[in-house]
């Protein structure tokens, strides 16, 4: 039998899931390699045989995307599958043009082909861009489900930055579980707020096994999406967060536009800080491209933990969520807003003080500007982050990340943390939506 040779272009997440559901165990295909981008230190590794299956006794190599053409030639690749998120449509087709010119076919796999079906009701929270407000929306929905007496299992989009075999199925209930898993800053930012509110969190690589494990402990499955990717679990209700600070991006980024068009409900977030022009633009996009979607308006007000008077007159270093600033392309977040609202004398530009991998982040993402992305894909990067903070000449640090960085990095500069929660504006509310779809209320499915 002639096997179709496949290369999967990814970023250590969606690519592995697509392989597991579409290619693993199928003799008519041979996946010759994954390529990697966006996430540091993934290329050069191997997707292990324990996860790849018996057709791949040596595992599957993970190579840099920069070597795409050479890999197509070396392995005589028939088909390249694009499998990562939060990139422009133009980027998707630039990669496609490279593939086609190198002699292979180019494929995007339908979200429905890679959605697992749960035996329990499921809610998916996705977005049109990284940094739109998925996290606070997911926590808000989880709270509504818990308040109605439901046991909630949060399935988080994969973040497999460590030992891939050990990370096949992960369960987090306590902070100690994060320590035991040697979780990175990026992982902790997604898992820790859920743990603090009493949610069970599951993640890893093999989502069929992850879903099976979660179903044993929960009444409702809550998919917590990554970047602007589509759900891995078929939802009873698909909620998509739209960001009026980046109006127009909902139609320009992959697969965010797919989410927009698939959504049962669109949450227009940040209406408290966006311009009316931006709000009107995203509302027009929703009504034009998904007229059947319910629209929920929401704000994400920030709260400074501690004495806000300490900010006035200080030279402030604002630290924001890394992916939101890098491939999410946001130029500010809660820490910047808090600094400006409370009279900081200056926002420190950390670029001259940046060291190591943090300095390289500014080179790779020149749009970031005068604030510090909380990059932390490993201990070395955390050390570089600490050194950058301490060399920045800041009088005060404002931490606008989903976790308190002081628990992980012992830097010698005074700091305050800035948090935010979802606050619905008007009607319908997300409680109305969940009730309508049978997730809560007297007619709930469970």
Protein backbone atom coordinates (compact mmCIF):
# COMPACT_ATOMS: atom_id res chain seq x y z
CA UNK A 1 0.00 0.00 0.00
CA UNK A 2 1.27 3.46 -0.90
CA UNK A 3 1.13 5.75 2.13
CA UNK A 4 0.35 9.45 1.79
CA UNK A 5 3.27 11.35 3.31
CA UNK A 6 2.06 14.16 5.56
CA UNK A 7 3.85 17.02 7.32
CA UNK A 8 1.94 18.91 10.04
CA UNK A 9 2.85 22.58 10.54
CA UNK A 10 2.11 23.51 14.13
CA UNK A 11 3.13 25.06 17.43
CA UNK A 12 2.91 22.21 19.97
CA UNK A 13 -0.84 22.07 20.48
CA UNK A 14 -3.42 21.89 17.70
CA UNK A 15 -0.91 19.96 15.56
CA UNK A 16 -0.62 17.11 18.06
CA UNK A 17 -4.41 17.00 18.50
CA UNK A 18 -4.98 16.82 14.73
CA UNK A 19 -2.48 13.99 14.49
CA UNK A 20 -4.11 12.06 17.33
CA UNK A 21 -7.61 12.31 15.88
CA UNK A 22 -7.01 12.18 12.12
CA UNK A 23 -3.75 10.31 11.48
CA UNK A 24 -2.75 8.16 14.46
CA UNK A 25 -3.17 4.44 13.78
CA UNK A 26 -4.03 4.91 10.08
CA UNK A 27 -1.74 2.91 7.83
CA UNK A 28 -2.69 4.87 4.71
CA UNK A 29 -0.83 7.91 6.10
CA UNK A 30 2.75 8.48 7.18
CA UNK A 31 3.32 11.66 9.18
CA UNK A 32 6.99 12.37 8.52
CA UNK A 33 7.41 15.40 10.80
CA UNK A 34 5.84 18.25 12.70
CA UNK A 35 7.17 21.77 12.22
CA UNK A 36 7.25 24.27 15.08
CA UNK A 37 6.88 28.02 15.43
CA UNK A 38 5.64 30.61 18.04
CA UNK A 39 6.82 28.58 21.07
CA UNK A 40 10.55 28.51 21.96
CA UNK A 41 12.52 25.29 22.46
CA UNK A 42 10.00 22.97 20.76
CA UNK A 43 11.90 22.36 17.51
CA UNK A 44 14.54 19.64 17.74
CA UNK A 45 12.40 17.45 19.95
CA UNK A 46 10.42 14.30 19.12
CA UNK A 47 6.72 13.52 19.45
CA UNK A 48 7.26 10.30 21.41
CA UNK A 49 6.31 6.82 20.23
CA UNK A 50 4.20 6.33 23.37
CA UNK A 51 1.87 9.03 22.01
CA UNK A 52 2.40 8.54 18.27
CA UNK A 53 1.43 4.86 18.32
CA UNK A 54 2.86 1.59 17.03
CA UNK A 55 3.25 2.87 13.44
CA UNK A 56 5.93 5.27 14.75
CA UNK A 57 8.35 3.23 16.91
CA UNK A 58 10.91 6.07 16.80
CA UNK A 59 8.36 8.84 17.33
CA UNK A 60 7.92 11.79 14.96
CA UNK A 61 10.57 14.54 14.70
CA UNK A 62 9.66 18.18 15.38
CA UNK A 63 11.56 20.50 13.06
CA UNK A 64 11.75 24.32 12.62
CA UNK A 65 9.15 25.76 10.26
CA UNK A 66 11.99 27.64 8.56
CA UNK A 67 13.07 24.30 7.06
CA UNK A 68 9.64 23.63 5.51
CA UNK A 69 10.76 23.44 1.87
CA UNK A 70 13.77 21.27 2.69
CA UNK A 71 11.59 18.86 4.68
CA UNK A 72 9.09 18.58 1.81
CA UNK A 73 11.92 17.68 -0.55
CA UNK A 74 13.72 15.34 1.85
CA UNK A 75 10.64 13.29 2.73
CA UNK A 76 8.84 13.65 -0.63
CA UNK A 77 5.86 15.07 1.24
CA UNK A 78 2.48 14.79 -0.46
CA UNK A 79 0.46 17.03 1.85
CA UNK A 80 1.12 19.73 4.46
CA UNK A 81 -1.51 20.36 7.13
CA UNK A 82 -1.63 23.84 8.66
CA UNK A 83 -2.39 23.44 12.39
CA UNK A 84 -1.70 26.50 14.53
CA UNK A 85 -3.59 29.63 15.45
CA UNK A 86 -3.72 33.41 15.86
CA UNK A 87 -2.09 34.31 12.57
CA UNK A 88 -3.37 36.45 9.74
CA UNK A 89 -5.14 34.92 6.78
CA UNK A 90 -2.24 36.31 4.75
CA UNK A 91 0.23 34.35 6.88
CA UNK A 92 -1.74 31.13 6.35
CA UNK A 93 -1.51 31.56 2.60
CA UNK A 94 2.13 32.61 2.61
CA UNK A 95 2.85 29.24 4.23
CA UNK A 96 0.51 27.68 1.67
CA UNK A 97 2.38 29.33 -1.19
CA UNK A 98 5.67 27.93 0.12
CA UNK A 99 4.11 24.47 0.31
CA UNK A 100 2.57 24.61 -3.15
CA UNK A 101 5.77 25.94 -4.72
CA UNK A 102 7.70 23.09 -3.07
CA UNK A 103 5.40 20.56 -4.73
CA UNK A 104 3.02 19.45 -1.95
CA UNK A 105 -0.71 19.94 -1.43
CA UNK A 106 -1.98 22.16 1.38
CA UNK A 107 -4.78 21.31 3.81
CA UNK A 108 -6.83 22.85 6.60
CA UNK A 109 -8.77 20.26 8.61
CA UNK A 110 -12.37 21.07 9.52
CA UNK A 111 -12.94 21.83 13.22
CA UNK A 112 -15.79 19.31 13.24
CA UNK A 113 -13.38 16.56 12.15
CA UNK A 114 -11.31 17.14 15.28
CA UNK A 115 -14.05 17.76 17.86
CA UNK A 116 -14.52 15.01 20.42
CA UNK A 117 -18.08 14.21 21.49
CA UNK A 118 -18.62 14.25 25.24
CA UNK A 119 -21.10 12.14 27.18
CA UNK A 120 -21.68 15.24 29.31
CA UNK A 121 -23.01 18.68 28.30
CA UNK A 122 -20.22 20.92 27.09
CA UNK A 123 -19.62 24.67 26.84
CA UNK A 124 -16.78 26.06 24.70
CA UNK A 125 -15.20 29.46 25.33
CA UNK A 126 -13.15 30.65 22.36
CA UNK A 127 -12.08 34.00 20.90
CA UNK A 128 -11.24 35.83 17.72
CA UNK A 129 -7.77 36.86 19.02
CA UNK A 130 -5.45 36.08 21.90
CA UNK A 131 -6.11 38.52 24.74
CA UNK A 132 -9.78 39.13 23.98
CA UNK A 133 -10.84 38.00 27.45
CA UNK A 134 -11.40 34.23 27.29
CA UNK A 135 -10.00 33.64 30.76
CA UNK A 136 -12.35 35.90 32.70
CA UNK A 137 -15.26 34.74 30.53
CA UNK A 138 -14.47 31.09 31.24
CA UNK A 139 -14.20 31.77 34.99
CA UNK A 140 -17.52 33.63 34.92
CA UNK A 141 -19.27 30.76 33.12
CA UNK A 142 -17.70 28.24 35.50
CA UNK A 143 -19.04 30.24 38.46
CA UNK A 144 -22.55 30.25 36.99
CA UNK A 145 -22.40 26.47 36.54
CA UNK A 146 -21.06 25.88 40.06
CA UNK A 147 -23.71 28.16 41.57
CA UNK A 148 -26.35 25.98 39.90
CA UNK A 149 -24.90 22.91 41.62
CA UNK A 150 -22.85 21.53 38.73
CA UNK A 151 -19.45 19.89 39.07
CA UNK A 152 -17.27 21.61 36.46
CA UNK A 153 -14.22 20.22 34.67
CA UNK A 154 -12.26 22.82 32.73
CA UNK A 155 -10.45 21.35 29.73
CA UNK A 156 -7.71 23.75 28.79
CA UNK A 157 -6.21 24.00 25.29
CA UNK A 158 -2.83 22.19 25.26
CA UNK A 159 0.34 23.81 26.53
CA UNK A 160 2.81 20.91 26.28
CA UNK A 161 6.15 22.55 27.02
CA UNK A 162 7.70 19.82 29.18
CA UNK A 163 8.05 16.04 28.94
CA UNK A 164 5.42 15.15 26.36
CA UNK A 165 4.91 11.57 27.57
CA UNK A 166 4.34 12.73 31.16
CA UNK A 167 1.98 15.43 29.92
CA UNK A 168 -0.34 13.09 28.02
CA UNK A 169 -3.10 13.55 30.64
CA UNK A 170 -2.78 16.19 33.37
CA UNK A 171 -5.14 16.96 36.25
CA UNK A 172 -4.81 20.03 38.46
CA UNK A 173 -6.82 20.51 41.64
CA UNK A 174 -4.36 22.15 44.04
CA UNK A 175 -1.44 24.55 43.75
CA UNK A 176 0.84 21.66 44.69
CA UNK A 177 -0.21 19.93 41.46
CA UNK A 178 1.28 22.83 39.50
CA UNK A 179 4.55 22.50 41.40
CA UNK A 180 4.62 18.74 40.85
CA UNK A 181 4.15 19.28 37.10
CA UNK A 182 6.86 22.00 37.05
CA UNK A 183 4.32 24.23 35.30
CA UNK A 184 5.64 27.23 33.38
CA UNK A 185 4.37 30.80 33.79
CA UNK A 186 2.28 30.33 30.64
CA UNK A 187 0.62 27.23 32.10
CA UNK A 188 0.12 28.72 35.55
CA UNK A 189 -1.54 31.82 34.08
CA UNK A 190 -4.25 29.57 32.65
CA UNK A 191 -4.59 26.95 35.40
CA UNK A 192 -4.04 28.81 38.68
CA UNK A 193 -7.05 31.20 38.51
CA UNK A 194 -9.35 28.21 37.95
CA UNK A 195 -7.85 26.33 40.89
CA UNK A 196 -8.31 29.43 43.07
CA UNK A 197 -12.03 29.43 42.27
CA UNK A 198 -12.52 25.70 42.87
CA UNK A 199 -12.51 24.37 39.32
CA UNK A 200 -10.85 21.10 38.34
CA UNK A 201 -8.49 21.64 35.40
CA UNK A 202 -7.47 19.03 32.85
CA UNK A 203 -4.93 19.49 30.06
CA UNK A 204 -2.19 17.67 28.20
CA UNK A 205 -1.88 16.09 24.76
CA UNK A 206 -4.22 13.10 24.37
CA UNK A 207 -7.61 14.79 24.59
CA UNK A 208 -9.68 11.65 24.08
CA UNK A 209 -8.10 10.27 27.26
CA UNK A 210 -8.32 13.68 28.95
CA UNK A 211 -12.03 14.01 28.18
CA UNK A 212 -12.70 10.47 29.42
CA UNK A 213 -10.96 11.28 32.70
CA UNK A 214 -12.80 14.59 33.11
CA UNK A 215 -16.21 13.02 32.45
CA UNK A 216 -15.68 10.74 35.45
CA UNK A 217 -15.54 13.75 37.79
CA UNK A 218 -17.82 16.38 36.27
CA UNK A 219 -21.40 17.17 35.30
CA UNK A 220 -20.38 19.75 32.69
CA UNK A 221 -17.29 20.04 30.48
CA UNK A 222 -16.01 23.59 30.00
CA UNK A 223 -13.60 24.02 27.08
CA UNK A 224 -11.13 26.85 27.76
CA UNK A 225 -9.65 27.70 24.38
CA UNK A 226 -6.12 28.83 23.60
CA UNK A 227 -5.19 31.70 21.30
CA UNK A 228 -8.12 31.96 18.89
CA UNK A 229 -8.32 28.24 18.16
CA UNK A 230 -11.53 26.30 17.63
CA UNK A 231 -12.82 23.82 20.27
CA UNK A 232 -11.47 20.29 20.71
CA UNK A 233 -14.83 19.22 22.21
CA UNK A 234 -18.19 19.54 20.43
CA UNK A 235 -20.11 22.13 22.48
CA UNK A 236 -23.78 22.40 23.36
CA UNK A 237 -23.13 26.14 23.32
CA UNK A 238 -20.16 27.82 21.64
CA UNK A 239 -19.26 31.22 23.18
CA UNK A 240 -16.78 33.41 21.31
CA UNK A 241 -15.19 36.55 22.77
CA UNK A 242 -14.69 39.52 20.42
CA UNK A 243 -12.35 42.45 21.14
CA UNK A 244 -13.40 45.96 20.04
CA UNK A 245 -9.88 47.23 20.80
CA UNK A 246 -8.85 45.31 17.67
CA UNK A 247 -11.91 45.88 15.51
CA UNK A 248 -11.56 44.17 12.15
CA UNK A 249 -9.25 41.46 13.48
CA UNK A 250 -12.25 39.16 13.86
CA UNK A 251 -12.26 38.92 10.04
CA UNK A 252 -8.50 38.92 9.44
CA UNK A 253 -7.08 36.19 11.70
CA UNK A 254 -7.13 32.40 11.49
CA UNK A 255 -9.02 30.60 12.87
CA UNK A 256 -10.69 33.46 14.74
CA UNK A 257 -13.00 34.23 11.84
CA UNK A 258 -14.06 30.58 11.84
CA UNK A 259 -14.98 30.92 15.52
CA UNK A 260 -16.93 34.10 14.77
CA UNK A 261 -18.94 32.35 12.08
CA UNK A 262 -19.52 29.19 14.21
CA UNK A 263 -20.50 30.96 17.44
CA UNK A 264 -23.85 30.51 19.15
CA UNK A 265 -23.01 33.52 21.32
CA UNK A 266 -20.59 36.42 20.81
CA UNK A 267 -19.35 38.28 23.90
CA UNK A 268 -18.26 41.80 22.95
CA UNK A 269 -15.80 42.43 25.77
CA UNK A 270 -14.04 45.59 27.05
CA UNK A 271 -16.93 47.93 26.21
CA UNK A 272 -15.83 50.00 29.23
CA UNK A 273 -12.47 50.89 27.64
CA UNK A 274 -13.01 50.56 23.87
CA UNK A 275 -14.14 53.36 21.59
CA UNK A 276 -17.74 53.43 20.40
CA UNK A 277 -16.38 53.19 16.88
CA UNK A 278 -14.62 49.92 17.73
CA UNK A 279 -17.70 48.52 19.47
CA UNK A 280 -19.94 49.41 16.53
CA UNK A 281 -17.47 47.85 14.07
CA UNK A 282 -17.38 44.45 15.80
CA UNK A 283 -21.15 44.48 16.29
CA UNK A 284 -21.51 45.06 12.56
CA UNK A 285 -19.13 42.14 11.85
CA UNK A 286 -21.19 39.81 14.02
CA UNK A 287 -24.51 40.88 12.55
CA UNK A 288 -23.19 40.60 9.00
CA UNK A 289 -21.30 37.30 9.24
CA UNK A 290 -23.23 35.44 11.96
CA UNK A 291 -26.65 37.08 12.22
CA UNK A 292 -28.07 34.20 14.27
CA UNK A 293 -25.60 34.63 17.13
CA UNK A 294 -26.75 36.07 20.45
CA UNK A 295 -24.72 39.11 21.51
CA UNK A 296 -23.65 39.70 25.12
CA UNK A 297 -21.96 43.00 26.02
CA UNK A 298 -19.35 42.92 28.77
CA UNK A 299 -16.73 45.00 30.53
CA UNK A 300 -13.46 43.88 32.11
CA UNK A 301 -12.80 46.51 34.81
CA UNK A 302 -9.42 46.27 36.53
CA UNK A 303 -8.78 46.22 40.26
CA UNK A 304 -5.47 47.11 41.94
CA UNK A 305 -4.73 44.84 44.88
CA UNK A 306 -3.17 47.13 47.48
CA UNK A 307 -2.82 50.87 47.95
CA UNK A 308 -3.36 52.58 44.58
CA UNK A 309 -1.83 55.75 46.05
CA UNK A 310 1.55 54.08 45.71
CA UNK A 311 1.32 54.43 41.91
CA UNK A 312 1.09 58.24 41.78
CA UNK A 313 4.32 59.92 40.72
CA UNK A 314 6.23 56.63 40.29
CA UNK A 315 8.22 55.31 37.36
CA UNK A 316 6.21 52.17 36.66
CA UNK A 317 7.12 49.00 34.82
CA UNK A 318 3.93 47.37 33.48
CA UNK A 319 4.08 43.59 33.06
CA UNK A 320 1.36 42.04 30.93
CA UNK A 321 0.44 38.55 29.70
CA UNK A 322 3.12 37.38 27.24
CA UNK A 323 1.11 35.79 24.39
CA UNK A 324 -1.39 38.67 24.44
CA UNK A 325 1.43 41.12 23.68
CA UNK A 326 3.46 38.95 21.30
CA UNK A 327 1.40 37.11 18.68
CA UNK A 328 -1.77 38.68 20.15
CA UNK A 329 -0.37 42.10 19.13
CA UNK A 330 -2.03 44.05 21.96
CA UNK A 331 -0.03 47.13 22.95
CA UNK A 332 -1.36 47.45 26.49
CA UNK A 333 -3.29 45.62 29.18
CA UNK A 334 -4.64 46.03 32.71
CA UNK A 335 -1.28 47.11 34.18
CA UNK A 336 -0.86 49.93 31.66
CA UNK A 337 -4.44 51.10 32.20
CA UNK A 338 -3.95 51.06 35.97
CA UNK A 339 -0.70 53.04 35.71
CA UNK A 340 -2.28 55.75 33.58
CA UNK A 341 -5.46 55.93 35.67
CA UNK A 342 -3.58 56.35 38.93
CA UNK A 343 -1.03 59.00 38.04
CA UNK A 344 2.20 57.14 37.27
CA UNK A 345 4.85 59.65 36.25
CA UNK A 346 6.32 57.39 33.59
CA UNK A 347 5.85 54.00 31.97
CA UNK A 348 9.27 52.40 31.88
CA UNK A 349 10.49 51.07 28.53
CA UNK A 350 12.32 47.84 29.44
CA UNK A 351 13.83 47.15 26.04
CA UNK A 352 17.31 48.52 26.82
CA UNK A 353 17.36 46.56 30.08
CA UNK A 354 16.15 43.29 28.54
CA UNK A 355 18.47 40.30 28.71
CA UNK A 356 18.66 36.89 27.08
CA UNK A 357 15.41 35.42 25.79
CA UNK A 358 13.45 38.53 26.84
CA UNK A 359 15.65 40.71 24.65
CA UNK A 360 15.06 38.26 21.81
CA UNK A 361 11.29 38.50 22.39
CA UNK A 362 11.46 42.25 21.73
CA UNK A 363 13.41 41.55 18.52
CA UNK A 364 10.89 38.94 17.40
CA UNK A 365 7.88 41.10 18.32
CA UNK A 366 8.84 44.78 17.80
CA UNK A 367 5.20 45.85 18.25
CA UNK A 368 5.34 45.12 22.00
CA UNK A 369 6.63 48.59 22.95
CA UNK A 370 7.15 50.13 26.39
CA UNK A 371 5.95 47.30 28.60
CA UNK A 372 7.20 43.88 29.58
CA UNK A 373 5.67 40.60 28.32
CA UNK A 374 5.63 37.97 31.07
CA UNK A 375 7.34 35.28 29.04
CA UNK A 376 8.00 32.14 31.04
CA UNK A 377 8.23 28.96 28.99
CA UNK A 378 10.91 27.59 31.30
CA UNK A 379 13.16 28.41 34.26
CA UNK A 380 15.83 30.08 32.11
CA UNK A 381 13.26 32.47 30.67
CA UNK A 382 11.94 33.21 34.17
CA UNK A 383 15.51 34.07 35.21
CA UNK A 384 15.83 36.40 32.22
CA UNK A 385 12.51 38.01 33.18
CA UNK A 386 13.75 38.62 36.74
CA UNK A 387 17.01 40.15 35.51
CA UNK A 388 15.12 42.43 33.12
CA UNK A 389 12.78 43.64 35.87
CA UNK A 390 15.65 44.42 38.23
CA UNK A 391 17.65 46.24 35.53
CA UNK A 392 14.73 48.37 34.39
CA UNK A 393 15.15 51.23 36.92
CA UNK A 394 11.46 50.96 37.81
CA UNK A 395 10.28 52.35 41.14
CA UNK A 396 7.18 50.17 41.07
CA UNK A 397 6.07 47.12 39.12
CA UNK A 398 2.43 46.62 38.17
CA UNK A 399 1.67 42.96 37.46
CA UNK A 400 -1.21 42.64 35.00
CA UNK A 401 -0.82 38.90 34.38
CA UNK A 402 -3.44 36.30 35.41
CA UNK A 403 -1.15 35.06 38.20
CA UNK A 404 0.96 36.84 40.81
CA UNK A 405 4.47 36.61 39.39
CA UNK A 406 5.94 37.24 42.84
CA UNK A 407 5.07 33.65 43.75
CA UNK A 408 7.41 32.40 41.03
CA UNK A 409 10.03 35.13 40.63
CA UNK A 410 11.63 36.79 43.65
CA UNK A 411 12.51 40.19 42.16
CA UNK A 412 13.77 43.08 44.26
CA UNK A 413 11.35 45.86 43.20
CA UNK A 414 8.10 46.89 44.98
CA UNK A 415 5.06 45.57 43.13
CA UNK A 416 1.27 45.66 43.04
CA UNK A 417 -0.98 43.25 41.21
CA UNK A 418 -3.77 44.29 38.83
CA UNK A 419 -6.67 41.87 38.29
CA UNK A 420 -9.87 41.94 36.27
CA UNK A 421 -13.19 40.12 36.06
CA UNK A 422 -15.95 39.92 33.50
CA UNK A 423 -18.88 42.25 34.15
CA UNK A 424 -21.90 41.92 31.89
CA UNK A 425 -23.61 45.05 30.59
CA UNK A 426 -27.35 44.85 29.96
CA UNK A 427 -29.13 41.82 28.53
CA UNK A 428 -28.96 39.06 27.50
CA UNK A 429 -26.51 37.76 30.09
CA UNK A 430 -24.46 34.58 29.95
CA UNK A 431 -26.80 33.13 32.58
CA UNK A 432 -29.64 33.71 30.11
CA UNK A 433 -27.65 31.94 27.41
CA UNK A 434 -26.81 28.94 29.60
CA UNK A 435 -30.44 28.65 30.66
CA UNK A 436 -31.65 28.79 27.06
CA UNK A 437 -29.26 25.98 26.10
CA UNK A 438 -30.23 23.78 29.03
CA UNK A 439 -27.01 24.09 31.03
CA UNK A 440 -28.54 25.71 34.13
CA UNK A 441 -32.04 26.34 35.43
CA UNK A 442 -35.09 24.14 35.92
CA UNK A 443 -34.74 22.49 32.48
CA UNK A 444 -31.02 21.81 32.71
CA UNK A 445 -29.69 18.73 30.89
CA UNK A 446 -28.00 17.51 34.08
